[in-house]
């Protein structure tokens, strides 16, 4: 696999995955938010030397993008994780249910499974919060949510299908509640306008005035929410 060699002791080499495509008309780069893999798409007849010359010309952007990615952190007892915008420390708990007490997220059972149990707790809390918010905003425009699903998406925080089915990233529950509410309002607004036209943003403004603050939070801080790993 071709690499961009390190330029200094504090920089590592960057592996480049070359992908030839019949649809590609030019060179293009993509850095995966999932694993940091750098992929360079290239036309079928392009030479590898030309592709790597393009990569070297874009090396500054590649390294800057990789440096901005969140650090992957395995969650366990003693970890601090954001829950509805608050930083809570995972601590051993009694009983059977995961619960919030003060600034602690108490997780009973085998400490080795604390990350998994904390993740399950967050997903359940996310569903509760997103169902309530989506139903509330849908009622304001005289619509109903067809169904609601949660996923661990990295390319988008939510989506709305033509039939009114909504999808959200469960990690929204880690953000401040106002951010989750904005995303719910945004997706519900697509029940009226399946686009991002001025008419769409007018619906968003009606449902969630001054939404720009929450959108900016997601742009600046949202990527860090993907840096927490809760186990299998």
Protein backbone atom coordinates (compact mmCIF):
# COMPACT_ATOMS: atom_id res chain seq x y z
CA UNK A 1 0.00 0.00 0.00
CA UNK A 2 1.50 3.40 -0.93
CA UNK A 3 2.25 5.79 1.90
CA UNK A 4 3.02 9.42 2.55
CA UNK A 5 6.23 9.21 4.61
CA UNK A 6 6.57 11.08 7.88
CA UNK A 7 8.04 14.56 7.55
CA UNK A 8 9.11 14.92 11.17
CA UNK A 9 9.55 12.76 14.32
CA UNK A 10 6.08 13.71 15.61
CA UNK A 11 4.34 12.69 12.39
CA UNK A 12 3.61 9.15 11.32
CA UNK A 13 3.41 7.80 7.81
CA UNK A 14 -0.03 7.94 6.20
CA UNK A 15 -1.24 4.91 4.25
CA UNK A 16 -3.18 5.71 1.08
CA UNK A 17 -5.76 3.27 -0.30
CA UNK A 18 -5.97 3.66 -4.08
CA UNK A 19 -9.36 2.95 -5.62
CA UNK A 20 -9.73 2.83 -9.40
CA UNK A 21 -13.20 3.70 -10.63
CA UNK A 22 -14.78 3.74 -14.07
CA UNK A 23 -16.90 6.67 -12.90
CA UNK A 24 -13.98 8.77 -11.69
CA UNK A 25 -12.98 11.60 -14.00
CA UNK A 26 -10.40 13.10 -11.68
CA UNK A 27 -8.52 12.36 -8.48
CA UNK A 28 -10.41 12.77 -5.21
CA UNK A 29 -9.60 12.11 -1.55
CA UNK A 30 -11.77 10.93 1.32
CA UNK A 31 -10.92 10.39 4.97
CA UNK A 32 -13.25 7.94 6.72
CA UNK A 33 -14.77 9.22 9.93
CA UNK A 34 -15.09 5.62 11.08
CA UNK A 35 -11.47 4.46 11.03
CA UNK A 36 -9.40 7.29 9.56
CA UNK A 37 -8.72 5.37 6.34
CA UNK A 38 -7.50 7.66 3.54
CA UNK A 39 -8.90 6.66 0.13
CA UNK A 40 -7.80 8.20 -3.15
CA UNK A 41 -10.23 7.56 -6.01
CA UNK A 42 -8.69 7.67 -9.48
CA UNK A 43 -9.69 7.11 -13.13
CA UNK A 44 -9.09 3.63 -14.50
CA UNK A 45 -6.22 4.67 -16.77
CA UNK A 46 -4.49 7.04 -14.37
CA UNK A 47 -0.99 6.14 -13.23
CA UNK A 48 -0.24 5.45 -9.58
CA UNK A 49 2.61 7.95 -9.71
CA UNK A 50 0.15 10.67 -10.75
CA UNK A 51 -2.21 9.65 -7.95
CA UNK A 52 0.51 9.87 -5.32
CA UNK A 53 1.66 13.22 -6.67
CA UNK A 54 -1.89 14.44 -6.10
CA UNK A 55 -1.86 12.99 -2.58
CA UNK A 56 1.42 14.71 -1.78
CA UNK A 57 0.00 18.01 -3.00
CA UNK A 58 -2.92 17.53 -0.58
CA UNK A 59 -0.82 16.23 2.30
CA UNK A 60 -1.47 19.28 4.47
CA UNK A 61 -5.24 18.80 4.18
CA UNK A 62 -4.94 15.05 4.83
CA UNK A 63 -2.93 15.49 8.02
CA UNK A 64 -5.12 18.34 9.24
CA UNK A 65 -8.25 16.22 8.73
CA UNK A 66 -6.73 13.24 10.53
CA UNK A 67 -5.61 15.44 13.43
CA UNK A 68 -9.14 16.84 13.82
CA UNK A 69 -10.72 13.40 14.18
CA UNK A 70 -11.86 12.49 17.70
CA UNK A 71 -9.65 10.25 19.78
CA UNK A 72 -11.29 6.85 20.17
CA UNK A 73 -11.85 6.19 23.86
CA UNK A 74 -13.05 2.88 25.23
CA UNK A 75 -15.71 3.45 27.91
CA UNK A 76 -15.49 1.63 31.24
CA UNK A 77 -15.58 2.20 34.99
CA UNK A 78 -13.85 5.50 35.69
CA UNK A 79 -14.54 6.94 32.23
CA UNK A 80 -16.19 10.33 31.88
CA UNK A 81 -18.86 10.56 29.18
CA UNK A 82 -21.29 13.30 28.14
CA UNK A 83 -24.95 12.57 28.85
CA UNK A 84 -27.42 15.25 27.77
CA UNK A 85 -24.59 17.75 27.79
CA UNK A 86 -23.34 16.84 31.29
CA UNK A 87 -20.09 15.02 31.96
CA UNK A 88 -20.78 11.94 34.10
CA UNK A 89 -18.26 9.49 35.51
CA UNK A 90 -19.02 5.78 35.25
CA UNK A 91 -18.99 4.22 38.71
CA UNK A 92 -20.02 0.78 40.03
CA UNK A 93 -23.64 0.67 41.11
CA UNK A 94 -25.94 -1.56 43.12
CA UNK A 95 -29.15 -3.17 41.93
CA UNK A 96 -29.95 -4.00 38.32
CA UNK A 97 -30.59 -0.72 36.50
CA UNK A 98 -28.12 1.86 35.23
CA UNK A 99 -29.02 5.23 36.70
CA UNK A 100 -27.79 8.79 37.06
CA UNK A 101 -27.03 10.01 40.57
CA UNK A 102 -25.51 13.46 40.79
CA UNK A 103 -22.49 13.58 38.50
CA UNK A 104 -22.18 9.80 38.31
CA UNK A 105 -23.56 7.19 35.96
CA UNK A 106 -23.95 4.16 38.21
CA UNK A 107 -23.52 0.88 36.34
CA UNK A 108 -24.19 -2.36 38.24
CA UNK A 109 -22.93 -5.81 37.33
CA UNK A 110 -19.67 -7.01 35.86
CA UNK A 111 -17.28 -4.05 35.50
CA UNK A 112 -16.01 -5.58 32.25
CA UNK A 113 -19.46 -4.96 30.75
CA UNK A 114 -19.85 -1.42 32.05
CA UNK A 115 -19.27 0.14 28.63
CA UNK A 116 -21.84 -2.10 26.96
CA UNK A 117 -24.42 -1.43 29.67
CA UNK A 118 -23.79 2.32 29.58
CA UNK A 119 -24.25 2.30 25.83
CA UNK A 120 -27.56 0.43 26.13
CA UNK A 121 -28.72 2.96 28.73
CA UNK A 122 -27.88 5.87 26.41
CA UNK A 123 -29.69 4.29 23.48
CA UNK A 124 -32.84 3.79 25.55
CA UNK A 125 -32.64 7.37 26.82
CA UNK A 126 -32.09 8.62 23.27
CA UNK A 127 -35.22 6.84 22.04
CA UNK A 128 -37.28 8.28 24.89
CA UNK A 129 -36.07 11.84 24.24
CA UNK A 130 -36.28 11.67 20.45
CA UNK A 131 -39.75 10.10 20.38
CA UNK A 132 -41.04 12.85 22.68
CA UNK A 133 -39.40 15.66 20.71
CA UNK A 134 -40.41 14.31 17.30
CA UNK A 135 -44.03 13.77 18.33
CA UNK A 136 -44.16 17.26 19.84
CA UNK A 137 -42.89 18.98 16.70
CA UNK A 138 -44.94 16.80 14.37
CA UNK A 139 -48.10 17.80 16.25
CA UNK A 140 -47.27 21.48 15.64
CA UNK A 141 -47.48 20.95 11.88
CA UNK A 142 -50.39 18.52 11.98
CA UNK A 143 -48.36 15.44 11.06
CA UNK A 144 -47.55 12.10 12.69
CA UNK A 145 -44.29 10.20 12.86
CA UNK A 146 -44.64 6.93 10.94
CA UNK A 147 -41.80 5.22 12.81
CA UNK A 148 -38.54 6.13 14.48
CA UNK A 149 -35.27 4.21 14.29
CA UNK A 150 -31.89 4.79 15.90
CA UNK A 151 -28.52 4.12 14.30
CA UNK A 152 -24.90 4.93 14.94
CA UNK A 153 -24.47 7.09 11.85
CA UNK A 154 -21.43 9.27 11.26
CA UNK A 155 -22.42 11.05 8.07
CA UNK A 156 -25.68 12.55 9.35
CA UNK A 157 -27.50 13.17 12.61
CA UNK A 158 -30.92 12.35 11.28
CA UNK A 159 -33.06 11.80 8.19
CA UNK A 160 -36.71 11.85 7.18
CA UNK A 161 -38.28 9.53 4.60
CA UNK A 162 -41.17 10.42 2.29
CA UNK A 163 -43.57 8.39 4.45
CA UNK A 164 -42.69 10.30 7.62
CA UNK A 165 -40.28 7.71 9.03
CA UNK A 166 -37.47 9.31 11.00
CA UNK A 167 -33.95 8.08 11.66
CA UNK A 168 -31.56 9.56 14.23
CA UNK A 169 -28.10 8.96 15.57
CA UNK A 170 -28.51 7.76 19.15
CA UNK A 171 -25.40 9.77 20.08
CA UNK A 172 -27.54 12.90 20.01
CA UNK A 173 -28.46 12.08 23.61
CA UNK A 174 -24.87 12.86 24.54
CA UNK A 175 -25.28 16.44 23.28
CA UNK A 176 -27.08 19.19 25.20
CA UNK A 177 -30.89 18.69 25.13
CA UNK A 178 -31.36 21.81 23.00
CA UNK A 179 -29.21 20.27 20.27
CA UNK A 180 -31.29 17.07 20.25
CA UNK A 181 -34.45 19.18 20.08
CA UNK A 182 -33.10 21.15 17.11
CA UNK A 183 -32.27 18.00 15.15
CA UNK A 184 -35.76 16.62 15.85
CA UNK A 185 -37.33 19.89 14.64
CA UNK A 186 -35.08 19.83 11.57
CA UNK A 187 -36.10 16.32 10.55
CA UNK A 188 -39.79 16.88 11.28
CA UNK A 189 -39.65 19.99 9.08
CA UNK A 190 -38.79 17.68 6.18
CA UNK A 191 -42.30 16.27 6.47
CA UNK A 192 -43.38 19.61 4.97
CA UNK A 193 -40.43 20.32 2.68
CA UNK A 194 -38.21 17.45 1.49
CA UNK A 195 -35.37 19.80 0.64
CA UNK A 196 -33.28 22.58 2.16
CA UNK A 197 -34.98 25.48 0.45
CA UNK A 198 -35.88 28.80 2.07
CA UNK A 199 -39.35 27.34 2.68
CA UNK A 200 -37.81 24.46 4.61
CA UNK A 201 -35.75 26.75 6.85
CA UNK A 202 -38.86 28.84 7.48
CA UNK A 203 -40.55 25.71 8.88
CA UNK A 204 -37.50 24.99 11.05
CA UNK A 205 -37.57 28.58 12.34
CA UNK A 206 -41.23 28.21 13.23
CA UNK A 207 -40.62 24.95 15.09
CA UNK A 208 -37.31 25.90 16.71
CA UNK A 209 -36.49 29.64 16.64
CA UNK A 210 -32.82 30.62 16.69
CA UNK A 211 -31.75 27.15 15.62
CA UNK A 212 -28.44 28.47 14.32
CA UNK A 213 -26.81 28.19 17.76
CA UNK A 214 -27.52 24.45 17.99
CA UNK A 215 -26.46 23.83 14.41
CA UNK A 216 -23.16 25.58 15.12
CA UNK A 217 -22.66 23.38 18.22
CA UNK A 218 -23.03 20.26 16.10
CA UNK A 219 -20.58 21.60 13.55
CA UNK A 220 -17.98 22.48 16.17
CA UNK A 221 -18.49 19.80 18.82
CA UNK A 222 -20.55 16.99 17.33
CA UNK A 223 -17.71 14.99 15.84
CA UNK A 224 -16.25 14.41 19.30
CA UNK A 225 -19.33 12.37 20.25
CA UNK A 226 -18.15 9.63 17.90
CA UNK A 227 -14.95 9.24 19.90
CA UNK A 228 -16.57 7.10 22.61
CA UNK A 229 -16.64 3.33 22.16
CA UNK A 230 -19.08 1.43 24.36
CA UNK A 231 -18.00 -2.11 23.51
CA UNK A 232 -19.63 -4.84 21.40
